[in-house]
PDB file of N, CA and C in Angstrom:
ATOM      1  N   UNK A   1       1.097  -1.026   0.157  1.00  0.00           N
ATOM      2  CA  UNK A   1       0.098   0.242   0.232  1.00  0.00           C
ATOM      3  C   UNK A   1       1.177   1.275   0.057  1.00  0.00           C
ATOM      4  N   UNK A   2       0.343   2.064  -1.305  1.00  0.00           N
ATOM      5  CA  UNK A   2       1.199   3.395  -0.733  1.00  0.00           C
ATOM      6  C   UNK A   2       0.711   4.279  -0.252  1.00  0.00           C
ATOM      7  N   UNK A   3       1.348   5.119   0.716  1.00  0.00           N
ATOM      8  CA  UNK A   3       1.048   6.251   1.885  1.00  0.00           C
ATOM      9  C   UNK A   3       0.822   7.410   1.073  1.00  0.00           C
ATOM     10  N   UNK A   4       0.051   8.041   1.519  1.00  0.00           N
ATOM     11  CA  UNK A   4       0.096   9.129   1.167  1.00  0.00           C
ATOM     12  C   UNK A   4       0.581  10.049   0.362  1.00  0.00           C
ATOM     13  N   UNK A   5       1.919  10.528   1.641  1.00  0.00           N
ATOM     14  CA  UNK A   5       3.009  11.234   1.823  1.00  0.00           C
ATOM     15  C   UNK A   5       3.555  11.175   0.758  1.00  0.00           C
ATOM     16  N   UNK A   6       4.045   9.779   0.779  1.00  0.00           N
ATOM     17  CA  UNK A   6       5.061   9.289  -0.078  1.00  0.00           C
ATOM     18  C   UNK A   6       4.795   9.824  -1.765  1.00  0.00           C
ATOM     19  N   UNK A   7       3.181   9.030  -2.338  1.00  0.00           N
ATOM     20  CA  UNK A   7       2.216   9.630  -3.367  1.00  0.00           C
ATOM     21  C   UNK A   7       2.693  11.281  -3.594  1.00  0.00           C
ATOM     22  N   UNK A   8       2.764  12.297  -1.769  1.00  0.00           N
ATOM     23  CA  UNK A   8       2.258  13.651  -2.719  1.00  0.00           C
ATOM     24  C   UNK A   8       4.339  13.999  -2.747  1.00  0.00           C
ATOM     25  N   UNK A   9       5.151  13.595  -2.366  1.00  0.00           N
ATOM     26  CA  UNK A   9       6.613  13.540  -2.231  1.00  0.00           C
ATOM     27  C   UNK A   9       7.077  13.079  -3.752  1.00  0.00           C
ATOM     28  N   UNK A  10       6.804  12.134  -3.965  1.00  0.00           N
ATOM     29  CA  UNK A  10       6.979  11.616  -5.652  1.00  0.00           C
ATOM     30  C   UNK A  10       6.145  12.568  -6.651  1.00  0.00           C
ATOM     31  N   UNK A  11       4.795  13.459  -6.255  1.00  0.00           N
ATOM     32  CA  UNK A  11       4.110  14.076  -6.813  1.00  0.00           C
ATOM     33  C   UNK A  11       4.980  15.269  -7.859  1.00  0.00           C
ATOM     34  N   UNK A  12       5.764  15.810  -6.010  1.00  0.00           N
ATOM     35  CA  UNK A  12       6.529  17.165  -5.704  1.00  0.00           C
ATOM     36  C   UNK A  12       7.475  17.389  -7.023  1.00  0.00           C
ATOM     37  N   UNK A  13       8.110  15.928  -6.383  1.00  0.00           N
ATOM     38  CA  UNK A  13       9.394  15.494  -7.317  1.00  0.00           C
ATOM     39  C   UNK A  13       9.428  15.665  -9.140  1.00  0.00           C
ATOM     40  N   UNK A  14       8.101  15.333  -9.133  1.00  0.00           N
ATOM     41  CA  UNK A  14       8.031  15.111 -11.241  1.00  0.00           C
ATOM     42  C   UNK A  14       7.547  16.579 -11.201  1.00  0.00           C
ATOM     43  N   UNK A  15       7.025  17.593 -10.540  1.00  0.00           N
ATOM     44  CA  UNK A  15       7.050  18.829 -10.327  1.00  0.00           C
ATOM     45  C   UNK A  15       8.483  19.319 -10.894  1.00  0.00           C
ATOM     46  N   UNK A  16       8.375  19.459  -9.380  1.00  0.00           N
ATOM     47  CA  UNK A  16      10.002  20.058  -9.559  1.00  0.00           C
ATOM     48  C   UNK A  16      11.381  19.701 -10.787  1.00  0.00           C
ATOM     49  N   UNK A  17      11.051  18.258 -11.062  1.00  0.00           N
ATOM     50  CA  UNK A  17      12.105  17.801 -12.049  1.00  0.00           C
ATOM     51  C   UNK A  17      11.672  18.989 -13.555  1.00  0.00           C
ATOM     52  N   UNK A  18      10.294  18.563 -13.582  1.00  0.00           N
ATOM     53  CA  UNK A  18       9.724  19.118 -14.984  1.00  0.00           C
ATOM     54  C   UNK A  18       9.696  20.587 -15.096  1.00  0.00           C
ATOM     55  N   UNK A  19       9.711  21.343 -14.302  1.00  0.00           N
ATOM     56  CA  UNK A  19      10.002  22.901 -14.157  1.00  0.00           C
ATOM     57  C   UNK A  19      11.302  23.037 -14.129  1.00  0.00           C
ATOM     58  N   UNK A  20      12.695  22.498 -14.099  1.00  0.00           N
ATOM     59  CA  UNK A  20      13.782  22.659 -14.286  1.00  0.00           C
ATOM     60  C   UNK A  20      14.128  22.066 -16.026  1.00  0.00           C
ATOM     61  N   UNK A  21      13.589  20.959 -15.934  1.00  0.00           N
ATOM     62  CA  UNK A  21      13.420  20.771 -17.762  1.00  0.00           C
ATOM     63  C   UNK A  21      13.358  21.835 -18.284  1.00  0.00           C
ATOM     64  N   UNK A  22      11.076  21.970 -18.307  1.00  0.00           N
ATOM     65  CA  UNK A  22      10.707  23.416 -19.189  1.00  0.00           C
ATOM     66  C   UNK A  22      11.655  24.623 -18.860  1.00  0.00           C
ATOM     67  N   UNK A  23      12.351  24.990 -18.151  1.00  0.00           N
ATOM     68  CA  UNK A  23      13.593  26.053 -18.130  1.00  0.00           C
ATOM     69  C   UNK A  23      14.712  26.447 -18.645  1.00  0.00           C
ATOM     70  N   UNK A  24      15.070  24.400 -18.582  1.00  0.00           N
ATOM     71  CA  UNK A  24      16.144  24.574 -19.763  1.00  0.00           C
ATOM     72  C   UNK A  24      15.401  24.677 -21.249  1.00  0.00           C
ATOM     73  N   UNK A  25      14.891  24.374 -21.546  1.00  0.00           N
ATOM     74  CA  UNK A  25      14.192  23.750 -23.153  1.00  0.00           C
ATOM     75  C   UNK A  25      13.546  26.116 -22.951  1.00  0.00           C
ATOM     76  N   UNK A  26      13.414  26.277 -22.344  1.00  0.00           N
ATOM     77  CA  UNK A  26      13.141  27.686 -22.636  1.00  0.00           C
ATOM     78  C   UNK A  26      14.220  28.860 -22.702  1.00  0.00           C
ATOM     79  N   UNK A  27      15.034  28.015 -22.716  1.00  0.00           N
ATOM     80  CA  UNK A  27      16.142  29.402 -22.711  1.00  0.00           C
ATOM     81  C   UNK A  27      16.703  28.798 -24.242  1.00  0.00           C
ATOM     82  N   UNK A  28      16.966  27.533 -24.678  1.00  0.00           N
ATOM     83  CA  UNK A  28      16.819  27.644 -26.103  1.00  0.00           C
ATOM     84  C   UNK A  28      15.878  27.709 -27.466  1.00  0.00           C
ATOM     85  N   UNK A  29      14.281  28.007 -26.685  1.00  0.00           N
ATOM     86  CA  UNK A  29      13.465  27.796 -27.647  1.00  0.00           C
ATOM     87  C   UNK A  29      12.126  28.903 -27.249  1.00  0.00           C
ATOM     88  N   UNK A  30      11.544  29.035 -28.830  1.00  0.00           N
ATOM     89  CA  UNK A  30      10.294  30.389 -28.113  1.00  0.00           C
ATOM     90  C   UNK A  30       9.547  29.781 -26.755  1.00  0.00           C
ATOM     91  N   UNK A  31       9.118  30.203 -26.611  1.00  0.00           N
ATOM     92  CA  UNK A  31       8.581  30.382 -25.353  1.00  0.00           C
ATOM     93  C   UNK A  31       6.761  29.579 -25.841  1.00  0.00           C
ATOM     94  N   UNK A  32       6.595  30.547 -26.868  1.00  0.00           N
ATOM     95  CA  UNK A  32       5.118  30.126 -27.969  1.00  0.00           C
ATOM     96  C   UNK A  32       4.791  28.685 -28.404  1.00  0.00           C
ATOM     97  N   UNK A  33       6.123  28.770 -28.785  1.00  0.00           N
ATOM     98  CA  UNK A  33       6.307  26.789 -29.055  1.00  0.00           C
ATOM     99  C   UNK A  33       6.851  25.566 -28.188  1.00  0.00           C
ATOM    100  N   UNK A  34       7.476  26.372 -27.004  1.00  0.00           N
ATOM    101  CA  UNK A  34       7.580  25.538 -25.644  1.00  0.00           C
ATOM    102  C   UNK A  34       5.918  25.171 -25.386  1.00  0.00           C
ATOM    103  N   UNK A  35       5.340  25.804 -25.310  1.00  0.00           N
ATOM    104  CA  UNK A  35       3.877  25.903 -24.565  1.00  0.00           C
ATOM    105  C   UNK A  35       2.883  25.312 -25.758  1.00  0.00           C
ATOM    106  N   UNK A  36       3.255  24.868 -27.012  1.00  0.00           N
ATOM    107  CA  UNK A  36       1.709  24.695 -27.854  1.00  0.00           C
ATOM    108  C   UNK A  36       2.607  23.030 -27.801  1.00  0.00           C
ATOM    109  N   UNK A  37       4.097  22.969 -27.201  1.00  0.00           N
ATOM    110  CA  UNK A  37       4.411  21.949 -27.632  1.00  0.00           C
ATOM    111  C   UNK A  37       3.811  20.694 -26.418  1.00  0.00           C
ATOM    112  N   UNK A  38       4.091  21.400 -25.567  1.00  0.00           N
ATOM    113  CA  UNK A  38       3.002  20.581 -24.559  1.00  0.00           C
ATOM    114  C   UNK A  38       2.017  20.426 -23.978  1.00  0.00           C
ATOM    115  N   UNK A  39       1.108  21.866 -24.702  1.00  0.00           N
ATOM    116  CA  UNK A  39      -0.828  21.422 -24.668  1.00  0.00           C
ATOM    117  C   UNK A  39      -0.426  20.007 -25.803  1.00  0.00           C
ATOM    118  N   UNK A  40      -0.155  20.137 -26.806  1.00  0.00           N
ATOM    119  CA  UNK A  40      -0.180  19.671 -28.002  1.00  0.00           C
ATOM    120  C   UNK A  40      -0.110  17.954 -27.786  1.00  0.00           C
ATOM    121  N   UNK A  41       1.304  18.252 -27.147  1.00  0.00           N
ATOM    122  CA  UNK A  41       1.737  16.361 -26.196  1.00  0.00           C
ATOM    123  C   UNK A  41       0.533  15.809 -25.108  1.00  0.00           C
ATOM    124  N   UNK A  42      -0.378  16.848 -24.525  1.00  0.00           N
ATOM    125  CA  UNK A  42      -0.875  16.448 -23.750  1.00  0.00           C
ATOM    126  C   UNK A  42      -2.301  16.086 -24.143  1.00  0.00           C
ATOM    127  N   UNK A  43      -2.314  16.760 -25.319  1.00  0.00           N
ATOM    128  CA  UNK A  43      -3.909  16.406 -25.810  1.00  0.00           C
ATOM    129  C   UNK A  43      -4.208  14.967 -26.800  1.00  0.00           C
ATOM    130  N   UNK A  44      -2.856  14.864 -26.794  1.00  0.00           N
ATOM    131  CA  UNK A  44      -2.414  13.992 -27.848  1.00  0.00           C
ATOM    132  C   UNK A  44      -2.450  12.002 -26.534  1.00  0.00           C
ATOM    133  N   UNK A  45      -2.089  12.585 -25.846  1.00  0.00           N
ATOM    134  CA  UNK A  45      -2.167  11.638 -24.167  1.00  0.00           C
ATOM    135  C   UNK A  45      -3.405  11.574 -23.824  1.00  0.00           C
ATOM    136  N   UNK A  46      -4.020  12.908 -23.623  1.00  0.00           N
ATOM    137  CA  UNK A  46      -5.125  12.416 -22.944  1.00  0.00           C
ATOM    138  C   UNK A  46      -6.724  11.877 -24.028  1.00  0.00           C
ATOM    139  N   UNK A  47      -6.014  12.060 -25.723  1.00  0.00           N
ATOM    140  CA  UNK A  47      -6.995  11.755 -26.510  1.00  0.00           C
ATOM    141  C   UNK A  47      -6.927   9.799 -25.649  1.00  0.00           C
ATOM    142  N   UNK A  48      -5.207   9.589 -26.133  1.00  0.00           N
ATOM    143  CA  UNK A  48      -5.271   8.032 -26.256  1.00  0.00           C
ATOM    144  C   UNK A  48      -5.600   7.630 -25.028  1.00  0.00           C
ATOM    145  N   UNK A  49      -5.998   8.089 -24.007  1.00  0.00           N
ATOM    146  CA  UNK A  49      -6.163   7.124 -22.547  1.00  0.00           C
ATOM    147  C   UNK A  49      -7.643   7.223 -22.066  1.00  0.00           C
ATOM    148  N   UNK A  50      -7.883   8.497 -22.365  1.00  0.00           N
ATOM    149  CA  UNK A  50      -9.529   8.589 -22.099  1.00  0.00           C
ATOM    150  C   UNK A  50     -10.745   8.315 -23.572  1.00  0.00           C
ATOM    151  N   UNK A  51      -9.945   8.755 -24.547  1.00  0.00           N
ATOM    152  CA  UNK A  51     -11.174   8.905 -26.204  1.00  0.00           C
ATOM    153  C   UNK A  51     -12.282   9.183 -25.671  1.00  0.00           C
ATOM    154  N   UNK A  52     -12.231  10.490 -25.262  1.00  0.00           N
ATOM    155  CA  UNK A  52     -13.396  11.979 -24.778  1.00  0.00           C
ATOM    156  C   UNK A  52     -13.856  11.633 -26.748  1.00  0.00           C
ATOM    157  N   UNK A  53     -13.370  11.281 -27.724  1.00  0.00           N
ATOM    158  CA  UNK A  53     -14.292  11.629 -28.354  1.00  0.00           C
ATOM    159  C   UNK A  53     -15.838  11.147 -29.023  1.00  0.00           C
ATOM    160  N   UNK A  54     -15.933  10.137 -28.040  1.00  0.00           N
ATOM    161  CA  UNK A  54     -17.930   9.920 -28.115  1.00  0.00           C
ATOM    162  C   UNK A  54     -18.737  10.769 -27.654  1.00  0.00           C
ATOM    163  N   UNK A  55     -17.723  11.423 -26.066  1.00  0.00           N
ATOM    164  CA  UNK A  55     -18.173  12.127 -25.004  1.00  0.00           C
ATOM    165  C   UNK A  55     -18.907  13.613 -25.465  1.00  0.00           C
ATOM    166  N   UNK A  56     -17.758  14.082 -26.730  1.00  0.00           N
ATOM    167  CA  UNK A  56     -18.021  15.429 -27.952  1.00  0.00           C
ATOM    168  C   UNK A  56     -19.333  15.170 -28.598  1.00  0.00           C
ATOM    169  N   UNK A  57     -19.586  14.008 -28.754  1.00  0.00           N
ATOM    170  CA  UNK A  57     -20.842  13.679 -29.522  1.00  0.00           C
ATOM    171  C   UNK A  57     -22.430  14.218 -28.455  1.00  0.00           C
ATOM    172  N   UNK A  58     -21.629  14.026 -27.195  1.00  0.00           N
ATOM    173  CA  UNK A  58     -23.144  14.450 -26.228  1.00  0.00           C
ATOM    174  C   UNK A  58     -23.079  15.566 -25.551  1.00  0.00           C
ATOM    175  N   UNK A  59     -21.883  16.243 -25.881  1.00  0.00           N
ATOM    176  CA  UNK A  59     -22.669  17.413 -25.233  1.00  0.00           C
ATOM    177  C   UNK A  59     -23.273  18.595 -25.872  1.00  0.00           C
ATOM    178  N   UNK A  60     -23.676  19.503 -24.872  1.00  0.00           N
ATOM    179  CA  UNK A  60     -24.953  20.399 -25.846  1.00  0.00           C
ATOM    180  C   UNK A  60     -23.815  21.545 -26.133  1.00  0.00           C
ATOM    181  N   UNK A  61     -23.606  22.174 -26.374  1.00  0.00           N
ATOM    182  CA  UNK A  61     -24.009  23.339 -27.340  1.00  0.00           C
ATOM    183  C   UNK A  61     -22.623  24.536 -25.909  1.00  0.00           C
ATOM    184  N   UNK A  62     -23.757  24.870 -24.640  1.00  0.00           N
ATOM    185  CA  UNK A  62     -23.586  25.355 -23.888  1.00  0.00           C
ATOM    186  C   UNK A  62     -22.067  24.911 -22.454  1.00  0.00           C
ATOM    187  N   UNK A  63     -21.823  23.919 -23.399  1.00  0.00           N
ATOM    188  CA  UNK A  63     -21.176  22.478 -22.321  1.00  0.00           C
ATOM    189  C   UNK A  63     -19.726  23.161 -22.998  1.00  0.00           C
ATOM    190  N   UNK A  64     -19.683  22.368 -24.758  1.00  0.00           N
ATOM    191  CA  UNK A  64     -18.298  22.756 -25.601  1.00  0.00           C
ATOM    192  C   UNK A  64     -18.058  24.051 -25.474  1.00  0.00           C
ATOM    193  N   UNK A  65     -18.987  25.103 -24.834  1.00  0.00           N
ATOM    194  CA  UNK A  65     -18.390  26.675 -24.762  1.00  0.00           C
ATOM    195  C   UNK A  65     -17.149  26.580 -23.934  1.00  0.00           C
ATOM    196  N   UNK A  66     -17.921  26.203 -22.876  1.00  0.00           N
ATOM    197  CA  UNK A  66     -17.250  26.065 -21.456  1.00  0.00           C
ATOM    198  C   UNK A  66     -16.022  25.360 -21.205  1.00  0.00           C
ATOM    199  N   UNK A  67     -16.028  24.230 -21.838  1.00  0.00           N
ATOM    200  CA  UNK A  67     -15.062  23.411 -21.762  1.00  0.00           C
ATOM    201  C   UNK A  67     -13.859  24.359 -23.229  1.00  0.00           C
ATOM    202  N   UNK A  68     -14.146  24.639 -24.627  1.00  0.00           N
ATOM    203  CA  UNK A  68     -12.704  25.612 -24.983  1.00  0.00           C
ATOM    204  C   UNK A  68     -12.392  26.307 -24.067  1.00  0.00           C
ATOM    205  N   UNK A  69     -13.595  27.308 -23.524  1.00  0.00           N
ATOM    206  CA  UNK A  69     -13.666  28.755 -22.389  1.00  0.00           C
ATOM    207  C   UNK A  69     -12.068  28.187 -21.416  1.00  0.00           C
ATOM    208  N   UNK A  70     -12.332  27.445 -20.778  1.00  0.00           N
ATOM    209  CA  UNK A  70     -11.779  26.290 -19.874  1.00  0.00           C
ATOM    210  C   UNK A  70     -10.600  26.679 -20.887  1.00  0.00           C
ATOM    211  N   UNK A  71     -10.141  25.561 -22.217  1.00  0.00           N
ATOM    212  CA  UNK A  71      -9.283  25.331 -22.748  1.00  0.00           C
ATOM    213  C   UNK A  71      -8.170  26.454 -22.612  1.00  0.00           C
ATOM    214  N   UNK A  72      -8.868  27.540 -23.206  1.00  0.00           N
ATOM    215  CA  UNK A  72      -8.124  29.028 -23.748  1.00  0.00           C
ATOM    216  C   UNK A  72      -7.649  29.101 -22.342  1.00  0.00           C
ATOM    217  N   UNK A  73      -8.666  29.031 -21.438  1.00  0.00           N
ATOM    218  CA  UNK A  73      -7.868  29.802 -20.170  1.00  0.00           C
ATOM    219  C   UNK A  73      -6.554  29.446 -19.629  1.00  0.00           C
ATOM    220  N   UNK A  74      -6.847  27.729 -19.243  1.00  0.00           N
ATOM    221  CA  UNK A  74      -5.353  27.363 -19.147  1.00  0.00           C
ATOM    222  C   UNK A  74      -4.209  27.452 -20.443  1.00  0.00           C
ATOM    223  N   UNK A  75      -4.689  27.520 -21.402  1.00  0.00           N
ATOM    224  CA  UNK A  75      -3.580  28.161 -22.273  1.00  0.00           C
ATOM    225  C   UNK A  75      -2.976  29.318 -22.002  1.00  0.00           C
ATOM    226  N   UNK A  76      -4.121  30.608 -21.238  1.00  0.00           N
ATOM    227  CA  UNK A  76      -3.139  31.856 -21.201  1.00  0.00           C
ATOM    228  C   UNK A  76      -2.008  31.633 -20.045  1.00  0.00           C
ATOM    229  N   UNK A  77      -3.140  30.931 -18.734  1.00  0.00           N
ATOM    230  CA  UNK A  77      -2.488  30.357 -17.890  1.00  0.00           C
ATOM    231  C   UNK A  77      -0.696  29.677 -18.202  1.00  0.00           C
ATOM    232  N   UNK A  78      -1.102  29.191 -18.738  1.00  0.00           N
ATOM    233  CA  UNK A  78       0.606  27.989 -19.265  1.00  0.00           C
ATOM    234  C   UNK A  78       1.177  28.914 -19.428  1.00  0.00           C
ATOM    235  N   UNK A  79       1.204  30.243 -20.869  1.00  0.00           N
ATOM    236  CA  UNK A  79       1.794  31.430 -21.077  1.00  0.00           C
ATOM    237  C   UNK A  79       2.709  32.082 -19.921  1.00  0.00           C
ATOM    238  N   UNK A  80       1.230  32.664 -19.222  1.00  0.00           N
ATOM    239  CA  UNK A  80       1.931  33.439 -18.305  1.00  0.00           C
ATOM    240  C   UNK A  80       3.172  32.609 -17.421  1.00  0.00           C
ATOM    241  N   UNK A  81       2.870  31.540 -16.605  1.00  0.00           N
ATOM    242  CA  UNK A  81       3.943  30.538 -16.203  1.00  0.00           C
ATOM    243  C   UNK A  81       4.665  30.334 -16.879  1.00  0.00           C
ATOM    244  N   UNK A  82       5.307  29.991 -17.644  1.00  0.00           N
ATOM    245  CA  UNK A  82       6.331  30.164 -19.277  1.00  0.00           C
ATOM    246  C   UNK A  82       7.191  32.052 -18.919  1.00  0.00           C
ATOM    247  N   UNK A  83       6.525  32.517 -18.795  1.00  0.00           N
ATOM    248  CA  UNK A  83       6.878  33.975 -18.802  1.00  0.00           C
ATOM    249  C   UNK A  83       7.340  34.362 -17.772  1.00  0.00           C
ATOM    250  N   UNK A  84       7.084  33.719 -16.724  1.00  0.00           N
ATOM    251  CA  UNK A  84       7.393  34.061 -15.031  1.00  0.00           C
ATOM    252  C   UNK A  84       8.398  32.958 -14.750  1.00  0.00           C
ATOM    253  N   UNK A  85       8.292  31.539 -15.331  1.00  0.00           N
ATOM    254  CA  UNK A  85       9.860  30.946 -15.736  1.00  0.00           C
ATOM    255  C   UNK A  85      11.030  31.828 -16.068  1.00  0.00           C
ATOM    256  N   UNK A  86      10.771  31.659 -17.100  1.00  0.00           N
ATOM    257  CA  UNK A  86      11.877  32.651 -18.026  1.00  0.00           C
ATOM    258  C   UNK A  86      12.932  33.541 -17.275  1.00  0.00           C
ATOM    259  N   UNK A  87      11.774  34.099 -17.167  1.00  0.00           N
ATOM    260  CA  UNK A  87      11.969  35.761 -15.630  1.00  0.00           C
ATOM    261  C   UNK A  87      12.375  35.391 -14.180  1.00  0.00           C
ATOM    262  N   UNK A  88      12.146  34.548 -13.445  1.00  0.00           N
ATOM    263  CA  UNK A  88      12.760  34.312 -12.371  1.00  0.00           C
ATOM    264  C   UNK A  88      13.532  33.010 -12.235  1.00  0.00           C
ATOM    265  N   UNK A  89      13.345  32.523 -13.307  1.00  0.00           N
ATOM    266  CA  UNK A  89      13.780  30.811 -13.132  1.00  0.00           C
ATOM    267  C   UNK A  89      13.170  29.700 -11.916  1.00  0.00           C
ATOM    268  N   UNK A  90      14.144  28.813 -12.307  1.00  0.00           N
ATOM    269  CA  UNK A  90      12.662  27.261 -11.961  1.00  0.00           C
ATOM    270  C   UNK A  90      13.050  27.254 -10.540  1.00  0.00           C
ATOM    271  N   UNK A  91      14.472  27.648  -9.347  1.00  0.00           N
ATOM    272  CA  UNK A  91      13.871  27.962  -8.020  1.00  0.00           C
ATOM    273  C   UNK A  91      13.006  28.416  -7.087  1.00  0.00           C
ATOM    274  N   UNK A  92      12.590  29.943  -7.953  1.00  0.00           N
ATOM    275  CA  UNK A  92      12.278  30.775  -7.452  1.00  0.00           C
ATOM    276  C   UNK A  92      10.761  30.699  -8.324  1.00  0.00           C
ATOM    277  N   UNK A  93      10.772  29.720  -9.058  1.00  0.00           N
ATOM    278  CA  UNK A  93       9.365  29.142  -9.907  1.00  0.00           C
ATOM    279  C   UNK A  93       8.571  28.249  -8.793  1.00  0.00           C
ATOM    280  N   UNK A  94       9.544  27.373  -8.323  1.00  0.00           N
ATOM    281  CA  UNK A  94       8.825  26.527  -7.522  1.00  0.00           C
ATOM    282  C   UNK A  94       8.350  26.555  -6.084  1.00  0.00           C
ATOM    283  N   UNK A  95       9.729  28.187  -5.622  1.00  0.00           N
ATOM    284  CA  UNK A  95       8.662  28.416  -4.034  1.00  0.00           C
ATOM    285  C   UNK A  95       7.703  29.490  -4.227  1.00  0.00           C
ATOM    286  N   UNK A  96       7.470  30.069  -5.407  1.00  0.00           N
ATOM    287  CA  UNK A  96       6.225  30.970  -5.732  1.00  0.00           C
ATOM    288  C   UNK A  96       4.929  30.031  -5.931  1.00  0.00           C
ATOM    289  N   UNK A  97       4.666  28.913  -6.060  1.00  0.00           N
ATOM    290  CA  UNK A  97       4.171  27.572  -6.285  1.00  0.00           C
ATOM    291  C   UNK A  97       3.879  27.363  -5.274  1.00  0.00           C
ATOM    292  N   UNK A  98       4.353  26.897  -4.526  1.00  0.00           N
ATOM    293  CA  UNK A  98       4.048  26.167  -3.511  1.00  0.00           C
ATOM    294  C   UNK A  98       3.652  27.455  -1.941  1.00  0.00           C
ATOM    295  N   UNK A  99       4.152  28.340  -2.279  1.00  0.00           N
ATOM    296  CA  UNK A  99       3.736  29.837  -1.074  1.00  0.00           C
ATOM    297  C   UNK A  99       2.682  30.772  -2.061  1.00  0.00           C
ATOM    298  N   UNK A 100       2.037  30.118  -2.671  1.00  0.00           N
ATOM    299  CA  UNK A 100       1.416  31.494  -3.440  1.00  0.00           C
ATOM    300  C   UNK A 100       0.373  31.902  -2.680  1.00  0.00           C
ATOM    301  N   UNK A 101       0.043  31.364  -2.013  1.00  0.00           N
ATOM    302  CA  UNK A 101      -0.973  31.486  -0.981  1.00  0.00           C
ATOM    303  C   UNK A 101      -0.694  32.882   0.526  1.00  0.00           C
ATOM    304  N   UNK A 102       0.723  32.743   0.539  1.00  0.00           N
ATOM    305  CA  UNK A 102       1.069  33.624   1.875  1.00  0.00           C
ATOM    306  C   UNK A 102       1.495  35.057   0.916  1.00  0.00           C
ATOM    307  N   UNK A 103       1.284  35.086  -0.644  1.00  0.00           N
ATOM    308  CA  UNK A 103       2.786  36.207  -0.685  1.00  0.00           C
ATOM    309  C   UNK A 103       1.175  36.920  -2.078  1.00  0.00           C
TER     310      UNK A 103
END
């Protein structure tokens, strides 16, 4: 049985390593290119794992608009996060993410 604490440590380790890798990639590539590549890879993985195409046929127009708005909001958030990561570096970005409630 995996404890909740070890799962939290593992997820935090993945987040920190992903932040450092993203920072290294941002040093050599354009921000929009990196974010677009991350979103496309995530979308392909999501489609392969969950096969949501059958659900799209049953979504109402109002729910489809909410899904598209949420995707656009997430894309803007990723652009802001990437800009902040490029400006302050990976260590400060991780610290800001962990303590954003107190700032």
